[in-house]
Amino acid sequence: SLSERWKEQRARNEEIRRRTNVTDIAQQVAKLKWQWAGHIARRTDGRWVSKVLEWLPRTDKRSVGRPPTR
């Protein structure tokens, strides 16, 4: 049928990127993100970025209701 032939003729994104030598933007962003994470992990100067990456949230539950007044 016509629709089956149309599906066969469609080019996939991977094939187009391979022919044009263009990298996938999602893969490029993921690669740069990991490179930045490694760059930050090697820092030892105590900047806020490394402090945020090492931060652990509180595990205990907060009490229910209005906070006490001072």
N, C-alpha and C. Protein backbone atom coordinates (compact mmCIF):
# COMPACT_ATOMS: atom_id res chain seq x y z
N SER A 1 0.84 -1.19 0.00
CA SER A 1 0.00 0.00 0.00
C SER A 1 0.88 1.25 0.00
N LEU A 2 0.24 2.36 -0.22
CA LEU A 2 0.97 3.63 -0.32
C LEU A 2 1.59 4.03 1.02
N SER A 3 0.86 3.81 2.12
CA SER A 3 1.39 4.21 3.42
C SER A 3 2.62 3.38 3.81
N GLU A 4 2.66 2.10 3.42
CA GLU A 4 3.82 1.27 3.73
C GLU A 4 5.05 1.75 2.96
N ARG A 5 4.86 2.13 1.70
CA ARG A 5 5.98 2.65 0.91
C ARG A 5 6.47 3.98 1.47
N TRP A 6 5.53 4.80 1.96
CA TRP A 6 5.89 6.09 2.54
C TRP A 6 6.77 5.89 3.79
N LYS A 7 6.40 4.90 4.61
CA LYS A 7 7.18 4.61 5.82
C LYS A 7 8.59 4.14 5.47
N GLU A 8 8.72 3.37 4.40
CA GLU A 8 10.02 2.87 3.99
C GLU A 8 10.92 4.00 3.49
N GLN A 9 10.34 5.03 2.90
CA GLN A 9 11.12 6.12 2.32
C GLN A 9 11.54 7.17 3.34
N ARG A 10 10.92 7.17 4.51
CA ARG A 10 11.25 8.18 5.51
C ARG A 10 12.64 7.94 6.07
N ALA A 11 13.39 9.01 6.22
CA ALA A 11 14.74 8.92 6.78
C ALA A 11 14.67 9.11 8.28
N ARG A 12 15.37 8.29 9.01
CA ARG A 12 15.42 8.39 10.46
C ARG A 12 16.37 9.51 10.86
N ASN A 13 16.15 10.07 12.04
CA ASN A 13 17.00 11.15 12.53
C ASN A 13 18.46 10.72 12.63
N GLU A 14 18.68 9.48 13.10
CA GLU A 14 20.05 8.98 13.23
C GLU A 14 20.74 8.95 11.87
N GLU A 15 20.00 8.52 10.85
CA GLU A 15 20.58 8.44 9.51
C GLU A 15 20.92 9.84 8.98
N ILE A 16 20.05 10.80 9.22
CA ILE A 16 20.29 12.18 8.76
C ILE A 16 21.51 12.76 9.47
N ARG A 17 21.61 12.54 10.80
CA ARG A 17 22.75 13.05 11.55
C ARG A 17 24.05 12.40 11.09
N ARG A 18 23.99 11.11 10.76
CA ARG A 18 25.19 10.41 10.29
C ARG A 18 25.64 10.97 8.94
N ARG A 19 24.69 11.23 8.05
CA ARG A 19 25.05 11.75 6.73
C ARG A 19 25.59 13.17 6.79
N THR A 20 25.06 13.98 7.69
CA THR A 20 25.45 15.39 7.76
C THR A 20 26.56 15.66 8.78
N ASN A 21 26.99 14.62 9.49
CA ASN A 21 28.02 14.75 10.54
C ASN A 21 27.62 15.75 11.61
N VAL A 22 26.36 15.73 12.00
CA VAL A 22 25.85 16.59 13.06
C VAL A 22 25.60 15.72 14.28
N THR A 23 26.05 16.18 15.45
CA THR A 23 25.83 15.40 16.67
C THR A 23 24.46 15.71 17.25
N ASP A 24 23.93 14.75 17.96
CA ASP A 24 22.65 14.91 18.63
C ASP A 24 22.82 15.90 19.78
N ILE A 25 21.94 16.88 19.87
CA ILE A 25 22.08 17.92 20.89
C ILE A 25 21.91 17.35 22.29
N ALA A 26 21.04 16.37 22.46
CA ALA A 26 20.84 15.76 23.78
C ALA A 26 22.10 15.04 24.24
N GLN A 27 22.76 14.34 23.33
CA GLN A 27 24.01 13.67 23.69
C GLN A 27 25.11 14.68 24.00
N GLN A 28 25.15 15.76 23.25
CA GLN A 28 26.16 16.80 23.48
C GLN A 28 25.96 17.46 24.84
N VAL A 29 24.70 17.75 25.19
CA VAL A 29 24.40 18.38 26.48
C VAL A 29 24.77 17.44 27.62
N ALA A 30 24.44 16.15 27.48
CA ALA A 30 24.77 15.18 28.53
C ALA A 30 26.29 15.08 28.71
N LYS A 31 27.02 15.08 27.62
CA LYS A 31 28.49 15.01 27.69
C LYS A 31 29.05 16.23 28.41
N LEU A 32 28.58 17.42 28.05
CA LEU A 32 29.07 18.64 28.68
C LEU A 32 28.70 18.69 30.16
N LYS A 33 27.53 18.17 30.50
CA LYS A 33 27.09 18.15 31.89
C LYS A 33 28.02 17.28 32.74
N TRP A 34 28.40 16.11 32.21
CA TRP A 34 29.31 15.24 32.94
C TRP A 34 30.70 15.85 33.03
N GLN A 35 31.13 16.54 31.99
CA GLN A 35 32.43 17.21 32.04
C GLN A 35 32.43 18.29 33.10
N TRP A 36 31.34 19.05 33.20
CA TRP A 36 31.24 20.10 34.21
C TRP A 36 31.23 19.49 35.60
N ALA A 37 30.52 18.38 35.77
CA ALA A 37 30.47 17.72 37.08
C ALA A 37 31.86 17.26 37.51
N GLY A 38 32.63 16.73 36.58
CA GLY A 38 34.00 16.33 36.89
C GLY A 38 34.87 17.52 37.23
N HIS A 39 34.67 18.61 36.53
CA HIS A 39 35.42 19.84 36.79
C HIS A 39 35.13 20.35 38.20
N ILE A 40 33.87 20.34 38.60
CA ILE A 40 33.47 20.80 39.93
C ILE A 40 33.97 19.84 41.01
N ALA A 41 33.92 18.54 40.72
CA ALA A 41 34.33 17.54 41.71
C ALA A 41 35.81 17.68 42.06
N ARG A 42 36.62 18.15 41.14
CA ARG A 42 38.06 18.30 41.39
C ARG A 42 38.39 19.57 42.16
N ARG A 43 37.44 20.47 42.33
CA ARG A 43 37.70 21.72 43.05
C ARG A 43 37.78 21.47 44.55
N THR A 44 38.65 22.22 45.20
CA THR A 44 38.80 22.09 46.65
C THR A 44 38.72 23.44 47.35
N ASP A 45 38.26 24.47 46.67
CA ASP A 45 38.29 25.81 47.27
C ASP A 45 37.03 26.14 48.07
N GLY A 46 36.08 25.22 48.19
CA GLY A 46 34.91 25.43 49.04
C GLY A 46 33.88 26.38 48.49
N ARG A 47 33.77 26.50 47.18
CA ARG A 47 32.75 27.37 46.60
C ARG A 47 31.37 26.77 46.81
N TRP A 48 30.34 27.58 46.62
CA TRP A 48 28.97 27.14 46.91
C TRP A 48 28.54 26.00 46.01
N VAL A 49 29.08 25.91 44.79
CA VAL A 49 28.66 24.84 43.88
C VAL A 49 29.03 23.48 44.46
N SER A 50 30.24 23.35 44.96
CA SER A 50 30.64 22.07 45.54
C SER A 50 29.89 21.80 46.84
N LYS A 51 29.56 22.83 47.59
CA LYS A 51 28.79 22.64 48.82
C LYS A 51 27.37 22.16 48.49
N VAL A 52 26.79 22.71 47.44
CA VAL A 52 25.44 22.29 47.04
C VAL A 52 25.45 20.85 46.56
N LEU A 53 26.49 20.46 45.82
CA LEU A 53 26.55 19.08 45.32
C LEU A 53 26.72 18.08 46.46
N GLU A 54 27.37 18.46 47.53
CA GLU A 54 27.60 17.56 48.66
C GLU A 54 26.50 17.65 49.72
N TRP A 55 25.54 18.54 49.55
CA TRP A 55 24.49 18.76 50.54
C TRP A 55 23.56 17.56 50.63
N LEU A 56 23.21 17.17 51.84
CA LEU A 56 22.24 16.10 52.07
C LEU A 56 21.03 16.70 52.76
N PRO A 57 19.84 16.45 52.26
CA PRO A 57 18.65 17.00 52.90
C PRO A 57 18.39 16.33 54.25
N ARG A 58 17.60 17.01 55.07
CA ARG A 58 17.26 16.44 56.37
C ARG A 58 16.42 15.19 56.17
N THR A 59 16.68 14.18 56.98
CA THR A 59 15.92 12.94 56.86
C THR A 59 14.79 12.88 57.87
N ASP A 60 14.86 13.69 58.93
CA ASP A 60 13.80 13.64 59.93
C ASP A 60 12.60 14.44 59.46
N LYS A 61 11.44 14.06 59.96
CA LYS A 61 10.19 14.71 59.57
C LYS A 61 9.98 15.97 60.39
N ARG A 62 9.36 16.95 59.77
CA ARG A 62 9.00 18.16 60.50
C ARG A 62 7.71 17.90 61.27
N SER A 63 7.52 18.63 62.36
CA SER A 63 6.31 18.46 63.15
C SER A 63 5.12 19.04 62.41
N VAL A 64 3.95 18.49 62.70
CA VAL A 64 2.72 18.92 62.05
C VAL A 64 2.19 20.17 62.75
N GLY A 65 1.63 21.07 61.99
CA GLY A 65 1.00 22.24 62.57
C GLY A 65 1.84 23.50 62.46
N ARG A 66 1.35 24.52 63.13
CA ARG A 66 2.00 25.82 63.10
C ARG A 66 3.29 25.78 63.91
N PRO A 67 4.35 26.44 63.43
CA PRO A 67 5.59 26.48 64.20
C PRO A 67 5.40 27.24 65.52
N PRO A 68 6.13 26.88 66.55
CA PRO A 68 5.98 27.58 67.83
C PRO A 68 6.47 29.02 67.74
N THR A 69 5.85 29.89 68.53
CA THR A 69 6.27 31.29 68.56
C THR A 69 7.46 31.43 69.49
N ARG A 70 8.24 32.46 69.28
CA ARG A 70 9.44 32.66 70.09
C ARG A 70 9.12 33.36 71.37
